[in-house]
C-alpha atoms as a PDB file:
ATOM      1  CA  MET A   1     155.955 203.544 130.562  1.00  0.00           C
ATOM      2  CA  LYS A   2     154.360 207.361 129.804  1.00  0.00           C
ATOM      3  CA  GLY A   3     153.825 209.498 132.968  1.00  0.00           C
ATOM      4  CA  ARG A   4     155.107 209.429 136.114  1.00  0.00           C
ATOM      5  CA  VAL A   5     154.757 206.925 138.877  1.00  0.00           C
ATOM      6  CA  LEU A   6     154.202 208.441 142.358  1.00  0.00           C
ATOM      7  CA  GLN A   7     155.657 206.175 145.256  1.00  0.00           C
ATOM      8  CA  GLU A   8     154.503 203.071 143.264  1.00  0.00           C
ATOM      9  CA  SER A   9     150.714 204.008 144.099  1.00  0.00           C
ATOM     10  CA  ALA A  10     149.679 206.755 141.390  1.00  0.00           C
ATOM     11  CA  LEU A  11     150.221 207.597 138.076  1.00  0.00           C
ATOM     12  CA  LYS A  12     150.313 210.927 136.752  1.00  0.00           C
ATOM     13  CA  MET A  13     150.424 211.647 132.741  1.00  0.00           C
ATOM     14  CA  THR A  14     151.459 214.717 132.628  1.00  0.00           C
ATOM     15  CA  PRO A  15     153.103 217.413 135.411  1.00  0.00           C
ATOM     16  CA  ASP A  16     149.601 219.881 134.233  1.00  0.00           C
ATOM     17  CA  ASP A  17     147.340 216.835 135.228  1.00  0.00           C
ATOM     18  CA  ASN A  18     145.236 217.526 138.657  1.00  0.00           C
ATOM     19  CA  VAL A  19     144.317 214.138 138.912  1.00  0.00           C
ATOM     20  CA  ALA A  20     146.067 210.880 139.185  1.00  0.00           C
ATOM     21  CA  THR A  21     145.336 207.024 138.551  1.00  0.00           C
ATOM     22  CA  VAL A  22     145.808 204.964 141.810  1.00  0.00           C
ATOM     23  CA  LEU A  23     147.862 202.064 140.718  1.00  0.00           C
ATOM     24  CA  ASP A  24     146.744 199.842 143.919  1.00  0.00           C
ATOM     25  CA  ASP A  25     143.834 199.851 146.488  1.00  0.00           C
ATOM     26  CA  ILE A  26     144.829 202.432 148.665  1.00  0.00           C
ATOM     27  CA  GLY A  27     143.360 203.062 152.279  1.00  0.00           C
ATOM     28  CA  GLU A  28     142.222 206.731 153.863  1.00  0.00           C
ATOM     29  CA  GLY A  29     145.165 208.459 155.577  1.00  0.00           C
ATOM     30  CA  PHE A  30     147.957 207.439 152.820  1.00  0.00           C
ATOM     31  CA  GLU A  31     150.536 209.839 152.243  1.00  0.00           C
ATOM     32  CA  LEU A  32     151.161 210.521 148.552  1.00  0.00           C
ATOM     33  CA  ASP A  33     154.405 212.655 147.991  1.00  0.00           C
ATOM     34  CA  LEU A  34     154.415 215.224 145.110  1.00  0.00           C
ATOM     35  CA  ASP A  35     157.678 216.817 145.602  1.00  0.00           C
ATOM     36  CA  ASP A  36     156.931 220.014 146.334  1.00  0.00           C
ATOM     37  CA  ARG A  37     153.990 219.159 148.654  1.00  0.00           C
ATOM     38  CA  SER A  38     152.123 215.881 149.713  1.00  0.00           C
ATOM     39  CA  ILE A  39     148.688 215.110 149.894  1.00  0.00           C
ATOM     40  CA  GLN A  40     146.741 212.446 152.419  1.00  0.00           C
ATOM     41  CA  PHE A  41     143.612 210.416 150.816  1.00  0.00           C
ATOM     42  CA  VAL A  42     140.338 211.292 152.516  1.00  0.00           C
ATOM     43  CA  GLU A  43     139.057 208.056 151.695  1.00  0.00           C
ATOM     44  CA  ASP A  44     139.733 204.922 150.357  1.00  0.00           C
ATOM     45  CA  ILE A  45     140.603 204.343 146.794  1.00  0.00           C
ATOM     46  CA  SER A  46     140.148 201.524 144.616  1.00  0.00           C
ATOM     47  CA  PHE A  47     143.126 200.461 141.782  1.00  0.00           C
ATOM     48  CA  GLY A  48     142.283 202.281 138.477  1.00  0.00           C
ATOM     49  CA  HIS A  49     140.086 204.905 139.953  1.00  0.00           C
ATOM     50  CA  LYS A  50     141.250 208.998 140.200  1.00  0.00           C
ATOM     51  CA  VAL A  51     142.507 210.846 143.196  1.00  0.00           C
ATOM     52  CA  ALA A  52     142.694 214.678 143.245  1.00  0.00           C
ATOM     53  CA  LEU A  53     146.207 216.206 143.587  1.00  0.00           C
ATOM     54  CA  ARG A  54     145.101 219.706 144.823  1.00  0.00           C
ATOM     55  CA  ALA A  55     141.975 221.507 145.354  1.00  0.00           C
ATOM     56  CA  ILE A  56     139.671 221.552 142.678  1.00  0.00           C
ATOM     57  CA  ASP A  57     136.671 224.389 142.446  1.00  0.00           C
ATOM     58  CA  GLN A  58     132.761 223.256 141.350  1.00  0.00           C
ATOM     59  CA  GLY A  59     132.681 224.065 137.812  1.00  0.00           C
ATOM     60  CA  GLU A  60     136.389 223.221 137.192  1.00  0.00           C
ATOM     61  CA  MET A  61     137.947 221.265 134.590  1.00  0.00           C
ATOM     62  CA  ILE A  62     139.307 218.050 135.132  1.00  0.00           C
ATOM     63  CA  TYR A  63     142.904 217.028 133.511  1.00  0.00           C
ATOM     64  CA  LYS A  64     144.204 213.984 132.696  1.00  0.00           C
ATOM     65  CA  TYR A  65     146.628 213.020 130.237  1.00  0.00           C
ATOM     66  CA  ASP A  66     146.819 217.104 129.942  1.00  0.00           C
ATOM     67  CA  GLU A  67     143.339 216.768 128.072  1.00  0.00           C
ATOM     68  CA  ILE A  68     139.886 217.576 129.810  1.00  0.00           C
ATOM     69  CA  ILE A  69     138.353 214.396 130.745  1.00  0.00           C
ATOM     70  CA  GLY A  70     135.499 216.195 132.999  1.00  0.00           C
ATOM     71  CA  GLN A  71     134.363 219.082 135.229  1.00  0.00           C
ATOM     72  CA  ALA A  72     133.940 218.938 138.791  1.00  0.00           C
ATOM     73  CA  THR A  73     130.115 218.948 139.929  1.00  0.00           C
ATOM     74  CA  GLN A  74     131.041 219.727 143.531  1.00  0.00           C
ATOM     75  CA  ALA A  75     134.389 221.264 145.345  1.00  0.00           C
ATOM     76  CA  ILE A  76     137.049 218.315 145.023  1.00  0.00           C
ATOM     77  CA  ALA A  77     139.525 218.294 148.148  1.00  0.00           C
ATOM     78  CA  PRO A  78     143.266 217.243 147.729  1.00  0.00           C
ATOM     79  CA  GLY A  79     143.200 213.128 148.172  1.00  0.00           C
ATOM     80  CA  GLU A  80     139.540 212.892 147.485  1.00  0.00           C
ATOM     81  CA  TRP A  81     138.160 210.202 144.558  1.00  0.00           C
ATOM     82  CA  VAL A  82     137.205 211.679 141.499  1.00  0.00           C
ATOM     83  CA  HIS A  83     134.319 209.940 139.921  1.00  0.00           C
ATOM     84  CA  THR A  84     130.881 210.151 138.998  1.00  0.00           C
ATOM     85  CA  HIS A  85     129.382 211.496 141.929  1.00  0.00           C
ATOM     86  CA  ASN A  86     131.725 214.809 141.638  1.00  0.00           C
ATOM     87  CA  CYS A  87     132.563 214.898 138.193  1.00  0.00           C
ATOM     88  CA  GLU A  88     130.760 214.836 134.953  1.00  0.00           C
ATOM     89  CA  SER A  89     132.549 213.966 131.690  1.00  0.00           C
ATOM     90  CA  THR A  90     132.848 216.278 129.102  1.00  0.00           C
ATOM     91  CA  ARG A  91     134.518 213.813 126.594  1.00  0.00           C
ATOM     92  CA  GLY A  92     132.359 212.670 123.611  1.00  0.00           C
ATOM     93  CA  ARG A  93     129.742 215.522 124.360  1.00  0.00           C
ATOM     94  CA  GLY A  94     128.109 217.123 121.218  1.00  0.00           C
ATOM     95  CA  ASP A  95     126.471 219.528 123.360  1.00  0.00           C
ATOM     96  CA  LEU A  96     129.412 221.402 124.386  1.00  0.00           C
ATOM     97  CA  THR A  97     131.564 223.594 122.194  1.00  0.00           C
ATOM     98  CA  PRO A  98     134.922 224.392 122.699  1.00  0.00           C
ATOM     99  CA  GLU A  99     134.293 227.807 123.685  1.00  0.00           C
ATOM    100  CA  ALA A 100     132.022 226.817 126.564  1.00  0.00           C
ATOM    101  CA  VAL A 101     134.836 224.228 127.808  1.00  0.00           C
ATOM    102  CA  ASP A 102     137.570 227.285 127.397  1.00  0.00           C
ATOM    103  CA  GLU A 103     135.388 229.830 129.416  1.00  0.00           C
ATOM    104  CA  GLY A 104     135.453 226.916 132.025  1.00  0.00           C
ATOM    105  CA  ASP A 105     138.797 226.096 131.920  1.00  0.00           C
ATOM    106  CA  GLN A 106     140.869 227.051 134.939  1.00  0.00           C
ATOM    107  CA  LYS A 107     143.923 225.372 134.921  1.00  0.00           C
END
């Protein structure tokens, strides 16, 4: 399997990703060890959804597969669910030039 499985609970595809995919339904309060630190889930997150691995500022790009998959529409705390309520997809949008995405990149 590509990527790294964290405690059999989440899949982080590349070292630079700021989100991971949850591999089971995980409850609020679950502590996920990231080697250099740990994060605590601040809400329940369902299988297949994304969790923030660190604080993500409003306007910052969301990385998965070491690729930009979206942009934070509000600040996102470590351990928070990352989805359409706080992230706008940038994939496949013809209205964003590479320059516009690069300017917002705060990787």
